[in-house]
Amino acid sequence: MYFEKDQTRGVEGTFMWLMEEVGELASALRGGTHEERVGEFADVLAWLTTIANVAGVDLADAVNQKYGSGCPGCGQFLCVCDDAEKP
């Protein structure tokens, strides 16, 4: 939808917009309405997708490669990693 604008802005500029939206999501999670949270989640997803496109990353493929076989830590579809571990 916005590829040409985003490509002109570049990865760095697009990343700054993503961070702004993450901040707005944080605010909505702390004290916003459900509708505000819905809108901010959509904005973060849209900017994340945009920056992936600008960086030449197929986001669906990236998610599938990392998580398509389950948790990267334990390999299960329902994570059984120790709570002190990432993820």
C-alpha atoms as a PDB file:
ATOM      1  CA  MET A   1       0.000   0.000   0.000  1.00  0.00           C
ATOM      2  CA  TYR A   2       2.754   2.452   0.953  1.00  0.00           C
ATOM      3  CA  PHE A   3       5.853   0.697  -0.384  1.00  0.00           C
ATOM      4  CA  GLU A   4       7.160   3.547  -2.531  1.00  0.00           C
ATOM      5  CA  LYS A   5       6.808   6.100   0.287  1.00  0.00           C
ATOM      6  CA  ASP A   6       8.370   3.701   2.775  1.00  0.00           C
ATOM      7  CA  GLN A   7      11.207   2.741   0.452  1.00  0.00           C
ATOM      8  CA  THR A   8      11.986   6.436  -0.049  1.00  0.00           C
ATOM      9  CA  ARG A   9      11.932   6.935   3.746  1.00  0.00           C
ATOM     10  CA  GLY A  10      14.282   3.957   4.145  1.00  0.00           C
ATOM     11  CA  VAL A  11      14.700   1.414   6.894  1.00  0.00           C
ATOM     12  CA  GLU A  12      15.877   3.937   9.510  1.00  0.00           C
ATOM     13  CA  GLY A  13      13.007   6.377   8.977  1.00  0.00           C
ATOM     14  CA  THR A  14      10.447   3.604   8.804  1.00  0.00           C
ATOM     15  CA  PHE A  15      11.874   2.079  11.987  1.00  0.00           C
ATOM     16  CA  MET A  16      11.318   5.383  13.802  1.00  0.00           C
ATOM     17  CA  TRP A  17       7.647   5.318  12.788  1.00  0.00           C
ATOM     18  CA  LEU A  18       7.406   1.736  14.060  1.00  0.00           C
ATOM     19  CA  MET A  19       8.864   2.791  17.413  1.00  0.00           C
ATOM     20  CA  GLU A  20       6.377   5.644  17.668  1.00  0.00           C
ATOM     21  CA  GLU A  21       3.543   3.184  17.138  1.00  0.00           C
ATOM     22  CA  VAL A  22       5.000   0.781  19.723  1.00  0.00           C
ATOM     23  CA  GLY A  23       4.967   3.683  22.203  1.00  0.00           C
ATOM     24  CA  GLU A  24       1.338   4.413  21.376  1.00  0.00           C
ATOM     25  CA  LEU A  25       0.514   0.730  21.875  1.00  0.00           C
ATOM     26  CA  ALA A  26       2.253   0.798  25.273  1.00  0.00           C
ATOM     27  CA  SER A  27       0.099   3.769  26.287  1.00  0.00           C
ATOM     28  CA  ALA A  28      -3.066   2.072  25.078  1.00  0.00           C
ATOM     29  CA  LEU A  29      -2.194  -1.096  27.003  1.00  0.00           C
ATOM     30  CA  ARG A  30      -1.672   0.899  30.184  1.00  0.00           C
ATOM     31  CA  GLY A  31      -4.812   2.974  30.031  1.00  0.00           C
ATOM     32  CA  GLY A  32      -6.590   2.929  26.704  1.00  0.00           C
ATOM     33  CA  THR A  33      -9.919   1.556  25.688  1.00  0.00           C
ATOM     34  CA  HIS A  34     -10.298  -1.763  23.916  1.00  0.00           C
ATOM     35  CA  GLU A  35     -10.878   0.099  20.644  1.00  0.00           C
ATOM     36  CA  GLU A  36      -7.658   2.095  21.121  1.00  0.00           C
ATOM     37  CA  ARG A  37      -5.698  -1.115  21.790  1.00  0.00           C
ATOM     38  CA  VAL A  38      -7.182  -2.725  18.665  1.00  0.00           C
ATOM     39  CA  GLY A  39      -6.146   0.266  16.551  1.00  0.00           C
ATOM     40  CA  GLU A  40      -2.635   0.407  17.980  1.00  0.00           C
ATOM     41  CA  PHE A  41      -2.050  -3.330  17.499  1.00  0.00           C
ATOM     42  CA  ALA A  42      -3.101  -2.881  13.867  1.00  0.00           C
ATOM     43  CA  ASP A  43      -0.735   0.081  13.465  1.00  0.00           C
ATOM     44  CA  VAL A  44       2.235  -1.822  14.945  1.00  0.00           C
ATOM     45  CA  LEU A  45       1.563  -4.812  12.701  1.00  0.00           C
ATOM     46  CA  ALA A  46       1.262  -2.569   9.637  1.00  0.00           C
ATOM     47  CA  TRP A  47       4.549  -0.753  10.364  1.00  0.00           C
ATOM     48  CA  LEU A  48       6.340  -4.020  11.177  1.00  0.00           C
ATOM     49  CA  THR A  49       5.164  -5.456   7.864  1.00  0.00           C
ATOM     50  CA  THR A  50       6.234  -2.299   6.046  1.00  0.00           C
ATOM     51  CA  ILE A  51       9.736  -2.283   7.498  1.00  0.00           C
ATOM     52  CA  ALA A  52      10.116  -5.971   6.601  1.00  0.00           C
ATOM     53  CA  ASN A  53       9.166  -5.153   3.004  1.00  0.00           C
ATOM     54  CA  VAL A  54      11.623  -2.243   2.843  1.00  0.00           C
ATOM     55  CA  ALA A  55      14.360  -4.502   4.264  1.00  0.00           C
ATOM     56  CA  GLY A  56      13.557  -7.217   1.710  1.00  0.00           C
ATOM     57  CA  VAL A  57      12.285  -9.695   4.300  1.00  0.00           C
ATOM     58  CA  ASP A  58       9.272 -11.899   3.588  1.00  0.00           C
ATOM     59  CA  LEU A  59       7.668 -11.659   7.021  1.00  0.00           C
ATOM     60  CA  ALA A  60       5.439 -14.716   6.576  1.00  0.00           C
ATOM     61  CA  ASP A  61       8.447 -16.789   5.538  1.00  0.00           C
ATOM     62  CA  ALA A  62      10.523 -15.445   8.441  1.00  0.00           C
ATOM     63  CA  VAL A  63       7.842 -16.378  10.982  1.00  0.00           C
ATOM     64  CA  ASN A  64       7.399 -19.799   9.421  1.00  0.00           C
ATOM     65  CA  GLN A  65      11.152 -20.463   9.433  1.00  0.00           C
ATOM     66  CA  LYS A  66      11.536 -19.503  13.082  1.00  0.00           C
ATOM     67  CA  TYR A  67       8.257 -20.752  14.588  1.00  0.00           C
ATOM     68  CA  GLY A  68       6.775 -23.122  12.006  1.00  0.00           C
ATOM     69  CA  SER A  69       8.098 -26.181  13.843  1.00  0.00           C
ATOM     70  CA  GLY A  70       7.180 -24.903  17.295  1.00  0.00           C
ATOM     71  CA  CYS A  71       9.031 -23.004  19.986  1.00  0.00           C
ATOM     72  CA  PRO A  72      12.644 -22.375  18.929  1.00  0.00           C
ATOM     73  CA  GLY A  73      13.747 -23.168  22.495  1.00  0.00           C
ATOM     74  CA  CYS A  74      12.011 -26.460  23.244  1.00  0.00           C
ATOM     75  CA  GLY A  75      10.644 -27.427  19.818  1.00  0.00           C
ATOM     76  CA  GLN A  76       7.102 -27.898  21.132  1.00  0.00           C
ATOM     77  CA  PHE A  77       3.987 -26.206  19.779  1.00  0.00           C
ATOM     78  CA  LEU A  78       2.967 -25.485  23.370  1.00  0.00           C
ATOM     79  CA  CYS A  79       6.141 -24.089  24.914  1.00  0.00           C
ATOM     80  CA  VAL A  80       7.533 -25.994  27.881  1.00  0.00           C
ATOM     81  CA  CYS A  81      10.662 -23.875  28.316  1.00  0.00           C
ATOM     82  CA  ASP A  82      11.608 -22.970  31.870  1.00  0.00           C
ATOM     83  CA  ASP A  83      10.022 -19.638  32.892  1.00  0.00           C
ATOM     84  CA  ALA A  84      13.478 -18.147  33.464  1.00  0.00           C
ATOM     85  CA  GLU A  85      14.417 -18.826  29.827  1.00  0.00           C
ATOM     86  CA  LYS A  86      13.557 -16.864  26.733  1.00  0.00           C
ATOM     87  CA  PRO A  87      10.877 -17.224  25.237  1.00  0.00           C
END
